[in-house]
Amino acid sequence: MWENPVTYAVLLGAMGSLVSIGVWIGRVNSFKASVENTLAEIKESIKGIQDSIEKILLRLPPD
């Protein structure tokens, strides 16, 4: 089995595929973390806007 050069070619191909899959998973995880950070920033911005609106509404005279 190990004397056959095709075996080495298959093993190299399999290793290359594993490396490609690992790189792809790393990119997906990086994108996911980026999206999570962006959503957290948006949530903070919305909270700030809500707080500002509440402050403005508290200044208005009652009906």
PDB file of N, CA and C in Angstrom:
ATOM      1  N   MET A   1       0.826  -1.196   0.000  1.00  0.00           N
ATOM      2  CA  MET A   1       0.000   0.000   0.000  1.00  0.00           C
ATOM      3  C   MET A   1       0.866   1.255   0.000  1.00  0.00           C
ATOM      4  N   TRP A   2       1.877   1.310   0.872  1.00  0.00           N
ATOM      5  CA  TRP A   2       2.694   2.516   0.990  1.00  0.00           C
ATOM      6  C   TRP A   2       3.703   2.666  -0.141  1.00  0.00           C
ATOM      7  N   GLU A   3       3.906   1.598  -0.938  1.00  0.00           N
ATOM      8  CA  GLU A   3       4.820   1.694  -2.071  1.00  0.00           C
ATOM      9  C   GLU A   3       4.173   2.399  -3.257  1.00  0.00           C
ATOM     10  N   ASN A   4       2.870   2.489  -3.249  1.00  0.00           N
ATOM     11  CA  ASN A   4       2.137   3.065  -4.370  1.00  0.00           C
ATOM     12  C   ASN A   4       2.122   4.596  -4.259  1.00  0.00           C
ATOM     13  N   PRO A   5       2.614   5.321  -5.264  1.00  0.00           N
ATOM     14  CA  PRO A   5       2.627   6.789  -5.202  1.00  0.00           C
ATOM     15  C   PRO A   5       1.226   7.397  -5.193  1.00  0.00           C
ATOM     16  N   VAL A   6       0.246   6.658  -5.674  1.00  0.00           N
ATOM     17  CA  VAL A   6      -1.131   7.162  -5.664  1.00  0.00           C
ATOM     18  C   VAL A   6      -1.604   7.344  -4.223  1.00  0.00           C
ATOM     19  N   THR A   7      -1.154   6.476  -3.338  1.00  0.00           N
ATOM     20  CA  THR A   7      -1.520   6.588  -1.924  1.00  0.00           C
ATOM     21  C   THR A   7      -1.075   7.933  -1.365  1.00  0.00           C
ATOM     22  N   TYR A   8       0.149   8.334  -1.699  1.00  0.00           N
ATOM     23  CA  TYR A   8       0.654   9.626  -1.219  1.00  0.00           C
ATOM     24  C   TYR A   8      -0.132  10.784  -1.825  1.00  0.00           C
ATOM     25  N   ALA A   9      -0.493  10.652  -3.092  1.00  0.00           N
ATOM     26  CA  ALA A   9      -1.280  11.704  -3.743  1.00  0.00           C
ATOM     27  C   ALA A   9      -2.647  11.840  -3.078  1.00  0.00           C
ATOM     28  N   VAL A  10      -3.258  10.706  -2.763  1.00  0.00           N
ATOM     29  CA  VAL A  10      -4.564  10.733  -2.096  1.00  0.00           C
ATOM     30  C   VAL A  10      -4.438  11.346  -0.708  1.00  0.00           C
ATOM     31  N   LEU A  11      -3.396  10.973   0.026  1.00  0.00           N
ATOM     32  CA  LEU A  11      -3.189  11.534   1.362  1.00  0.00           C
ATOM     33  C   LEU A  11      -2.947  13.041   1.304  1.00  0.00           C
ATOM     34  N   LEU A  12      -2.138  13.491   0.343  1.00  0.00           N
ATOM     35  CA  LEU A  12      -1.897  14.930   0.192  1.00  0.00           C
ATOM     36  C   LEU A  12      -3.189  15.663  -0.168  1.00  0.00           C
ATOM     37  N   GLY A  13      -3.988  15.067  -1.035  1.00  0.00           N
ATOM     38  CA  GLY A  13      -5.275  15.670  -1.398  1.00  0.00           C
ATOM     39  C   GLY A  13      -6.208  15.763  -0.208  1.00  0.00           C
ATOM     40  N   ALA A  14      -6.240  14.709   0.596  1.00  0.00           N
ATOM     41  CA  ALA A  14      -7.095  14.714   1.788  1.00  0.00           C
ATOM     42  C   ALA A  14      -6.628  15.769   2.786  1.00  0.00           C
ATOM     43  N   MET A  15      -5.312  15.881   2.959  1.00  0.00           N
ATOM     44  CA  MET A  15      -4.781  16.894   3.886  1.00  0.00           C
ATOM     45  C   MET A  15      -5.111  18.299   3.378  1.00  0.00           C
ATOM     46  N   GLY A  16      -4.986  18.504   2.078  1.00  0.00           N
ATOM     47  CA  GLY A  16      -5.335  19.800   1.497  1.00  0.00           C
ATOM     48  C   GLY A  16      -6.797  20.131   1.707  1.00  0.00           C
ATOM     49  N   SER A  17      -7.651  19.132   1.568  1.00  0.00           N
ATOM     50  CA  SER A  17      -9.081  19.342   1.797  1.00  0.00           C
ATOM     51  C   SER A  17      -9.354  19.708   3.248  1.00  0.00           C
ATOM     52  N   LEU A  18      -8.685  19.029   4.174  1.00  0.00           N
ATOM     53  CA  LEU A  18      -8.874  19.338   5.592  1.00  0.00           C
ATOM     54  C   LEU A  18      -8.429  20.756   5.914  1.00  0.00           C
ATOM     55  N   VAL A  19      -7.310  21.170   5.333  1.00  0.00           N
ATOM     56  CA  VAL A  19      -6.829  22.536   5.560  1.00  0.00           C
ATOM     57  C   VAL A  19      -7.829  23.538   4.995  1.00  0.00           C
ATOM     58  N   SER A  20      -8.352  23.273   3.812  1.00  0.00           N
ATOM     59  CA  SER A  20      -9.339  24.170   3.204  1.00  0.00           C
ATOM     60  C   SER A  20     -10.592  24.271   4.060  1.00  0.00           C
ATOM     61  N   ILE A  21     -11.041  23.151   4.581  1.00  0.00           N
ATOM     62  CA  ILE A  21     -12.222  23.157   5.452  1.00  0.00           C
ATOM     63  C   ILE A  21     -11.934  23.949   6.721  1.00  0.00           C
ATOM     64  N   GLY A  22     -10.752  23.776   7.283  1.00  0.00           N
ATOM     65  CA  GLY A  22     -10.380  24.526   8.489  1.00  0.00           C
ATOM     66  C   GLY A  22     -10.353  26.023   8.242  1.00  0.00           C
ATOM     67  N   VAL A  23      -9.808  26.434   7.105  1.00  0.00           N
ATOM     68  CA  VAL A  23      -9.775  27.862   6.760  1.00  0.00           C
ATOM     69  C   VAL A  23     -11.194  28.389   6.600  1.00  0.00           C
ATOM     70  N   TRP A  24     -12.046  27.625   5.931  1.00  0.00           N
ATOM     71  CA  TRP A  24     -13.430  28.033   5.720  1.00  0.00           C
ATOM     72  C   TRP A  24     -14.156  28.186   7.056  1.00  0.00           C
ATOM     73  N   ILE A  25     -13.970  27.245   7.964  1.00  0.00           N
ATOM     74  CA  ILE A  25     -14.604  27.324   9.287  1.00  0.00           C
ATOM     75  C   ILE A  25     -14.102  28.553  10.035  1.00  0.00           C
ATOM     76  N   GLY A  26     -12.815  28.835   9.937  1.00  0.00           N
ATOM     77  CA  GLY A  26     -12.263  30.032  10.574  1.00  0.00           C
ATOM     78  C   GLY A  26     -12.898  31.298  10.038  1.00  0.00           C
ATOM     79  N   ARG A  27     -13.100  31.360   8.734  1.00  0.00           N
ATOM     80  CA  ARG A  27     -13.735  32.543   8.133  1.00  0.00           C
ATOM     81  C   ARG A  27     -15.180  32.681   8.587  1.00  0.00           C
ATOM     82  N   VAL A  28     -15.903  31.570   8.646  1.00  0.00           N
ATOM     83  CA  VAL A  28     -17.301  31.612   9.093  1.00  0.00           C
ATOM     84  C   VAL A  28     -17.372  32.093  10.539  1.00  0.00           C
ATOM     85  N   ASN A  29     -16.503  31.578  11.400  1.00  0.00           N
ATOM     86  CA  ASN A  29     -16.501  31.997  12.805  1.00  0.00           C
ATOM     87  C   ASN A  29     -16.148  33.468  12.939  1.00  0.00           C
ATOM     88  N   SER A  30     -15.209  33.943  12.130  1.00  0.00           N
ATOM     89  CA  SER A  30     -14.828  35.350  12.158  1.00  0.00           C
ATOM     90  C   SER A  30     -16.000  36.223  11.726  1.00  0.00           C
ATOM     91  N   PHE A  31     -16.708  35.804  10.670  1.00  0.00           N
ATOM     92  CA  PHE A  31     -17.869  36.560  10.192  1.00  0.00           C
ATOM     93  C   PHE A  31     -18.962  36.580  11.252  1.00  0.00           C
ATOM     94  N   LYS A  32     -19.178  35.430  11.889  1.00  0.00           N
ATOM     95  CA  LYS A  32     -20.206  35.337  12.933  1.00  0.00           C
ATOM     96  C   LYS A  32     -19.882  36.282  14.081  1.00  0.00           C
ATOM     97  N   ALA A  33     -18.632  36.326  14.503  1.00  0.00           N
ATOM     98  CA  ALA A  33     -18.228  37.221  15.592  1.00  0.00           C
ATOM     99  C   ALA A  33     -18.412  38.676  15.178  1.00  0.00           C
ATOM    100  N   SER A  34     -18.108  38.981  13.925  1.00  0.00           N
ATOM    101  CA  SER A  34     -18.272  40.345  13.423  1.00  0.00           C
ATOM    102  C   SER A  34     -19.744  40.743  13.442  1.00  0.00           C
ATOM    103  N   VAL A  35     -20.611  39.847  13.014  1.00  0.00           N
ATOM    104  CA  VAL A  35     -22.051  40.128  13.007  1.00  0.00           C
ATOM    105  C   VAL A  35     -22.555  40.305  14.435  1.00  0.00           C
ATOM    106  N   GLU A  36     -22.104  39.466  15.345  1.00  0.00           N
ATOM    107  CA  GLU A  36     -22.531  39.584  16.746  1.00  0.00           C
ATOM    108  C   GLU A  36     -22.098  40.920  17.337  1.00  0.00           C
ATOM    109  N   ASN A  37     -20.878  41.360  17.033  1.00  0.00           N
ATOM    110  CA  ASN A  37     -20.407  42.656  17.530  1.00  0.00           C
ATOM    111  C   ASN A  37     -21.226  43.796  16.946  1.00  0.00           C
ATOM    112  N   THR A  38     -21.531  43.710  15.663  1.00  0.00           N
ATOM    113  CA  THR A  38     -22.330  44.752  15.015  1.00  0.00           C
ATOM    114  C   THR A  38     -23.725  44.815  15.627  1.00  0.00           C
ATOM    115  N   LEU A  39     -24.328  43.659  15.864  1.00  0.00           N
ATOM    116  CA  LEU A  39     -25.662  43.638  16.471  1.00  0.00           C
ATOM    117  C   LEU A  39     -25.632  44.205  17.887  1.00  0.00           C
ATOM    118  N   ALA A  40     -24.569  43.936  18.625  1.00  0.00           N
ATOM    119  CA  ALA A  40     -24.442  44.488  19.976  1.00  0.00           C
ATOM    120  C   ALA A  40     -24.336  46.009  19.921  1.00  0.00           C
ATOM    121  N   GLU A  41     -23.591  46.536  18.950  1.00  0.00           N
ATOM    122  CA  GLU A  41     -23.477  47.987  18.803  1.00  0.00           C
ATOM    123  C   GLU A  41     -24.816  48.609  18.424  1.00  0.00           C
ATOM    124  N   ILE A  42     -25.555  47.949  17.537  1.00  0.00           N
ATOM    125  CA  ILE A  42     -26.875  48.448  17.142  1.00  0.00           C
ATOM    126  C   ILE A  42     -27.808  48.453  18.344  1.00  0.00           C
ATOM    127  N   LYS A  43     -27.754  47.399  19.141  1.00  0.00           N
ATOM    128  CA  LYS A  43     -28.602  47.315  20.331  1.00  0.00           C
ATOM    129  C   LYS A  43     -28.282  48.452  21.295  1.00  0.00           C
ATOM    130  N   GLU A  44     -27.002  48.753  21.487  1.00  0.00           N
ATOM    131  CA  GLU A  44     -26.608  49.860  22.364  1.00  0.00           C
ATOM    132  C   GLU A  44     -27.106  51.191  21.814  1.00  0.00           C
ATOM    133  N   SER A  45     -27.023  51.368  20.502  1.00  0.00           N
ATOM    134  CA  SER A  45     -27.492  52.611  19.883  1.00  0.00           C
ATOM    135  C   SER A  45     -28.996  52.776  20.066  1.00  0.00           C
ATOM    136  N   ILE A  46     -29.733  51.700  19.874  1.00  0.00           N
ATOM    137  CA  ILE A  46     -31.189  51.759  20.055  1.00  0.00           C
ATOM    138  C   ILE A  46     -31.524  52.084  21.500  1.00  0.00           C
ATOM    139  N   LYS A  47     -30.802  51.488  22.438  1.00  0.00           N
ATOM    140  CA  LYS A  47     -31.034  51.776  23.862  1.00  0.00           C
ATOM    141  C   LYS A  47     -30.779  53.255  24.142  1.00  0.00           C
ATOM    142  N   GLY A  48     -29.710  53.809  23.561  1.00  0.00           N
ATOM    143  CA  GLY A  48     -29.409  55.224  23.747  1.00  0.00           C
ATOM    144  C   GLY A  48     -30.500  56.111  23.174  1.00  0.00           C
ATOM    145  N   ILE A  49     -31.022  55.743  22.011  1.00  0.00           N
ATOM    146  CA  ILE A  49     -32.112  56.513  21.403  1.00  0.00           C
ATOM    147  C   ILE A  49     -33.357  56.433  22.269  1.00  0.00           C
ATOM    148  N   GLN A  50     -33.674  55.259  22.782  1.00  0.00           N
ATOM    149  CA  GLN A  50     -34.839  55.107  23.658  1.00  0.00           C
ATOM    150  C   GLN A  50     -34.691  55.965  24.907  1.00  0.00           C
ATOM    151  N   ASP A  51     -33.505  55.970  25.493  1.00  0.00           N
ATOM    152  CA  ASP A  51     -33.272  56.793  26.685  1.00  0.00           C
ATOM    153  C   ASP A  51     -33.456  58.272  26.366  1.00  0.00           C
ATOM    154  N   SER A  52     -32.960  58.705  25.218  1.00  0.00           N
ATOM    155  CA  SER A  52     -33.105  60.108  24.823  1.00  0.00           C
ATOM    156  C   SER A  52     -34.570  60.468  24.616  1.00  0.00           C
ATOM    157  N   ILE A  53     -35.317  59.588  23.991  1.00  0.00           N
ATOM    158  CA  ILE A  53     -36.747  59.843  23.767  1.00  0.00           C
ATOM    159  C   ILE A  53     -37.478  59.923  25.097  1.00  0.00           C
ATOM    160  N   GLU A  54     -37.156  59.034  26.029  1.00  0.00           N
ATOM    161  CA  GLU A  54     -37.797  59.076  27.349  1.00  0.00           C
ATOM    162  C   GLU A  54     -37.501  60.393  28.059  1.00  0.00           C
ATOM    163  N   LYS A  55     -36.268  60.884  27.969  1.00  0.00           N
ATOM    164  CA  LYS A  55     -35.915  62.160  28.595  1.00  0.00           C
ATOM    165  C   LYS A  55     -36.709  63.303  27.979  1.00  0.00           C
ATOM    166  N   ILE A  56     -36.849  63.273  26.658  1.00  0.00           N
ATOM    167  CA  ILE A  56     -37.622  64.321  25.978  1.00  0.00           C
ATOM    168  C   ILE A  56     -39.083  64.253  26.397  1.00  0.00           C
ATOM    169  N   LEU A  57     -39.637  63.058  26.461  1.00  0.00           N
ATOM    170  CA  LEU A  57     -41.049  62.911  26.829  1.00  0.00           C
ATOM    171  C   LEU A  57     -41.292  63.347  28.267  1.00  0.00           C
ATOM    172  N   LEU A  58     -40.323  63.156  29.149  1.00  0.00           N
ATOM    173  CA  LEU A  58     -40.488  63.573  30.540  1.00  0.00           C
ATOM    174  C   LEU A  58     -40.494  65.094  30.662  1.00  0.00           C
ATOM    175  N   ARG A  59     -39.893  65.800  29.730  1.00  0.00           N
ATOM    176  CA  ARG A  59     -39.864  67.264  29.762  1.00  0.00           C
ATOM    177  C   ARG A  59     -41.169  67.885  29.273  1.00  0.00           C
ATOM    178  N   LEU A  60     -41.930  67.117  28.495  1.00  0.00           N
ATOM    179  CA  LEU A  60     -43.181  67.661  27.962  1.00  0.00           C
ATOM    180  C   LEU A  60     -44.193  67.858  29.086  1.00  0.00           C
ATOM    181  N   PRO A  61     -44.992  68.915  28.981  1.00  0.00           N
ATOM    182  CA  PRO A  61     -46.018  69.117  30.005  1.00  0.00           C
ATOM    183  C   PRO A  61     -47.099  68.044  29.892  1.00  0.00           C
ATOM    184  N   PRO A  62     -47.709  67.700  31.000  1.00  0.00           N
ATOM    185  CA  PRO A  62     -48.776  66.684  30.952  1.00  0.00           C
ATOM    186  C   PRO A  62     -49.999  67.228  30.216  1.00  0.00           C
ATOM    187  N   ASP A  63     -50.773  66.349  29.666  1.00  0.00           N
ATOM    188  CA  ASP A  63     -51.996  66.761  28.946  1.00  0.00           C
ATOM    189  C   ASP A  63     -53.053  67.225  29.896  1.00  0.00           C
TER     190      ASP A  63
END
